[in-house]
Protein backbone atom coordinates (compact mmCIF):
# COMPACT_ATOMS: atom_id res chain seq x y z
CA MET A 1 0.00 0.00 0.00
CA GLU A 2 1.31 3.49 -0.80
CA LEU A 3 2.30 5.59 2.21
CA SER A 4 -0.20 8.31 1.28
CA GLU A 5 -2.98 5.70 1.38
CA VAL A 6 -1.79 4.31 4.73
CA LEU A 7 -1.79 7.83 6.19
CA ARG A 8 -5.27 8.51 4.84
CA ARG A 9 -6.72 5.26 6.20
CA ARG A 10 -5.17 5.43 9.67
CA ARG A 11 -7.81 5.85 12.37
CA MET A 12 -8.46 4.60 15.86
CA VAL A 13 -10.38 1.32 15.78
CA ARG A 14 -12.47 0.56 18.87
CA ALA A 15 -13.97 -2.81 17.94
CA PHE A 16 -12.26 -6.00 16.85
CA GLU A 17 -13.18 -9.39 15.48
CA PRO A 18 -12.21 -12.23 17.83
CA VAL A 19 -9.77 -13.57 15.22
CA PRO A 20 -6.04 -14.09 15.90
CA VAL A 21 -3.46 -11.96 14.12
CA ALA A 22 -1.12 -14.01 11.93
CA PRO A 23 2.31 -14.21 13.63
CA ASP A 24 4.19 -12.97 10.54
CA ALA A 25 1.85 -9.96 10.20
CA LEU A 26 2.27 -9.19 13.90
CA ASP A 27 6.05 -9.37 13.57
CA ARG A 28 5.99 -6.91 10.65
CA VAL A 29 3.84 -4.47 12.64
CA LEU A 30 6.16 -4.73 15.65
CA ALA A 31 9.22 -4.32 13.41
CA ALA A 32 7.74 -1.08 12.06
CA ALA A 33 7.88 0.35 15.59
CA THR A 34 11.60 -0.36 15.79
CA ARG A 35 12.25 1.72 12.67
CA ALA A 36 11.24 4.95 14.44
CA PRO A 37 13.83 7.65 15.19
CA SER A 38 15.83 7.23 18.38
CA ALA A 39 17.92 10.03 19.90
CA GLY A 40 21.56 8.97 19.78
CA PHE A 41 20.26 5.62 18.52
CA THR A 42 19.63 4.86 22.18
CA GLN A 43 16.91 2.35 21.30
CA GLY A 44 15.35 2.77 24.72
CA LEU A 45 12.04 1.23 23.67
CA ASP A 46 10.66 -2.21 24.50
CA LEU A 47 7.32 -3.66 23.44
CA LEU A 48 5.37 -5.78 25.91
CA VAL A 49 3.20 -7.90 23.60
CA LEU A 50 0.20 -9.65 25.12
CA ALA A 51 -1.26 -12.13 22.62
CA ASP A 52 -2.14 -15.10 24.79
CA PRO A 53 -5.81 -14.94 25.88
CA ALA A 54 -4.76 -15.45 29.51
CA SER A 55 -2.47 -12.40 29.26
CA THR A 56 -5.03 -10.14 27.60
CA SER A 57 -7.63 -11.24 30.14
CA ARG A 58 -5.22 -10.45 32.98
CA TYR A 59 -4.57 -7.02 31.45
CA TRP A 60 -8.31 -6.20 31.33
CA ASP A 61 -8.77 -7.48 34.89
CA LEU A 62 -6.11 -4.98 36.00
CA THR A 63 -7.41 -2.01 34.00
CA PHE A 64 -11.16 -2.69 34.22
CA PRO A 65 -11.39 -4.53 37.54
CA GLU A 66 -15.02 -3.73 38.22
CA ALA A 67 -17.46 -5.91 36.27
CA GLY A 68 -20.01 -3.11 36.25
CA ALA A 69 -17.56 -0.62 34.76
CA ARG A 70 -16.58 -3.07 32.06
CA ALA A 71 -20.20 -3.95 31.26
CA GLY A 72 -21.08 -0.26 30.95
CA PHE A 73 -18.15 0.59 28.71
CA ARG A 74 -19.19 2.12 25.40
CA TRP A 75 -16.89 0.06 23.16
CA GLN A 76 -17.35 -3.58 24.12
CA GLY A 77 -15.57 -4.72 20.95
CA LEU A 78 -12.31 -3.34 22.35
CA PHE A 79 -12.17 -6.25 24.80
CA LEU A 80 -12.04 -8.65 21.82
CA ALA A 81 -8.70 -7.33 20.52
CA PRO A 82 -6.48 -10.41 20.22
CA VAL A 83 -3.25 -8.46 20.79
CA LEU A 84 -2.35 -5.72 23.25
CA VAL A 85 1.00 -3.96 22.91
CA VAL A 86 2.37 -1.86 25.75
CA PRO A 87 5.23 0.37 24.48
CA VAL A 88 7.70 0.87 27.33
CA VAL A 89 10.52 3.42 27.43
CA ASP A 90 13.64 3.51 29.57
CA PRO A 91 14.64 7.07 30.54
CA ALA A 92 17.85 5.82 32.19
CA ALA A 93 19.00 4.34 28.88
CA TYR A 94 18.97 7.86 27.40
CA ALA A 95 21.02 9.29 30.25
CA SER A 96 23.46 6.40 29.93
CA ARG A 97 23.79 6.80 26.17
CA TYR A 98 24.35 10.56 26.48
CA GLY A 99 26.97 9.95 29.14
CA GLU A 100 29.08 8.05 26.58
CA LEU A 101 32.18 9.64 25.09
CA ASP A 102 30.62 10.75 21.79
CA LYS A 103 27.64 12.41 23.55
CA GLY A 104 29.15 13.46 26.87
CA ARG A 105 29.59 17.12 25.86
CA THR A 106 25.79 17.49 25.66
CA GLY A 107 25.47 17.48 29.45
CA LEU A 108 22.54 15.06 29.19
CA GLY A 109 24.10 12.19 31.14
CA ASP A 110 21.42 12.57 33.83
CA VAL A 111 17.67 12.10 33.28
CA ALA A 112 16.96 15.38 35.12
CA ALA A 113 19.17 17.31 32.66
CA TRP A 114 16.90 16.69 29.67
CA PRO A 115 14.80 19.83 29.01
CA VAL A 116 12.72 17.77 26.57
CA PRO A 117 12.47 14.07 27.55
CA TYR A 118 13.22 12.45 24.20
CA TRP A 119 12.17 8.99 25.41
CA TRP A 120 8.56 10.21 25.13
CA ILE A 121 9.19 11.66 21.66
CA ASP A 122 10.93 8.54 20.38
CA GLY A 123 8.25 6.36 21.96
CA GLY A 124 5.51 8.41 20.28
CA ALA A 125 7.23 8.01 16.92
CA ALA A 126 7.40 4.24 17.49
CA VAL A 127 3.69 4.16 18.36
CA GLU A 128 2.82 6.01 15.14
CA ASN A 129 4.98 3.62 13.12
CA LEU A 130 3.18 0.70 14.73
CA LEU A 131 -0.23 2.23 13.97
CA LEU A 132 0.76 2.78 10.34
CA GLY A 133 2.20 -0.72 10.11
CA ALA A 134 -1.13 -2.10 11.30
CA VAL A 135 -2.96 -0.26 8.50
CA ASP A 136 -0.46 -1.57 5.96
CA GLU A 137 -1.25 -5.13 7.12
CA GLY A 138 -5.01 -4.56 6.86
CA LEU A 139 -5.37 -4.53 10.64
CA GLY A 140 -6.97 -2.05 13.01
CA ALA A 141 -5.37 -0.47 16.06
CA LEU A 142 -6.25 1.82 18.94
CA PHE A 143 -3.78 3.67 21.15
CA PHE A 144 -5.11 4.53 24.61
CA GLY A 145 -3.69 5.62 27.95
CA LEU A 146 -2.97 3.53 31.04
CA PHE A 147 -3.22 6.48 33.43
CA SER A 148 -3.54 5.25 37.04
CA HIS A 149 -3.06 1.60 35.98
CA GLU A 150 0.44 2.04 34.56
CA ARG A 151 2.47 0.67 37.47
CA ALA A 152 0.04 -2.18 38.17
CA VAL A 153 0.29 -3.38 34.56
CA LEU A 154 4.07 -3.03 34.44
CA ASP A 155 4.48 -4.89 37.74
CA ALA A 156 2.03 -7.65 36.78
CA PHE A 157 3.97 -8.44 33.63
CA GLY A 158 7.47 -8.19 35.13
CA VAL A 159 8.61 -4.90 33.58
CA PRO A 160 11.73 -3.64 35.42
CA GLU A 161 11.56 -0.66 37.75
CA GLY A 162 12.35 2.69 36.18
CA ARG A 163 10.60 1.89 32.91
CA ARG A 164 7.56 3.88 31.82
CA ALA A 165 4.61 2.83 29.67
CA LEU A 166 3.31 5.19 27.02
CA GLY A 167 -0.11 3.52 27.04
CA THR A 168 -1.50 0.49 25.24
CA ILE A 169 -2.22 -0.37 21.61
CA ALA A 170 -5.08 -2.77 20.91
CA LEU A 171 -4.45 -4.59 17.65
CA GLY A 172 -6.48 -6.95 15.49
CA HIS A 173 -8.91 -7.34 12.64
CA PRO A 174 -11.32 -4.39 12.75
CA ALA A 175 -15.04 -4.93 13.27
CA ALA A 176 -17.78 -2.44 12.53
CA ASP A 177 -17.67 0.21 15.20
CA GLU A 178 -18.98 3.61 16.10
CA PRO A 179 -16.44 6.42 15.75
CA GLY A 180 -15.48 8.27 18.90
CA ARG A 181 -17.00 11.66 19.62
CA SER A 182 -13.75 13.38 18.71
CA ALA A 183 -14.00 12.08 15.13
CA THR A 184 -16.63 14.74 14.38
CA ARG A 185 -14.14 17.53 14.98
CA PRO A 186 -12.91 19.04 11.73
CA ARG A 187 -9.25 18.69 10.81
CA ARG A 188 -7.42 22.02 10.92
CA PRO A 189 -6.50 23.13 7.40
CA LEU A 190 -2.83 23.09 6.47
CA ALA A 191 -2.81 26.87 5.98
CA GLU A 192 -3.83 27.28 9.63
CA VAL A 193 -1.27 24.80 10.97
CA VAL A 194 1.79 25.82 8.95
CA HIS A 195 3.57 29.09 9.75
CA ARG A 196 6.05 29.89 7.00
CA ASP A 197 9.06 32.03 7.95
CA HIS A 198 7.09 33.77 10.76
CA TRP A 199 4.17 32.91 13.05
């Protein structure tokens, strides 16, 4: 599929068919995430992939523990996603990389020294690559936040201390769904977004 078509088709999918994702397709989608930019080629991103039904069920039990809350959730088809991917970044890896000889003059050898935490930027680029890779494979995907459940999910699946989750990506074959309320908002025109040579 042409990149322009992938970009045009990308949207957040909130309902999935209960059909497994082919392992080779999943690997290609995951590999797309690893092709994102990485400051200093730190590669401080890991992907926690939950594809076993016991793992996805455990995830939902942690993030939607109350049966009533889950039953009242607007997008029930989300719970059918066969794959959940939790992108995890390692801020300390960035400080370590920028403490190396070729980067030491930057003064960024300490996490607190980073005025812009590039682990979030690199992680966001990886998420977008993964979302685009899903479209290219004919799959649907939804990125959503973990918020107050972040540490519980990371601990439950053995993620080391000091790592941070960007959120979760549900992945699978899309089912008919109702767009989110935000989808009705108009896209800002390019002329309003782009400021050429001056604001």
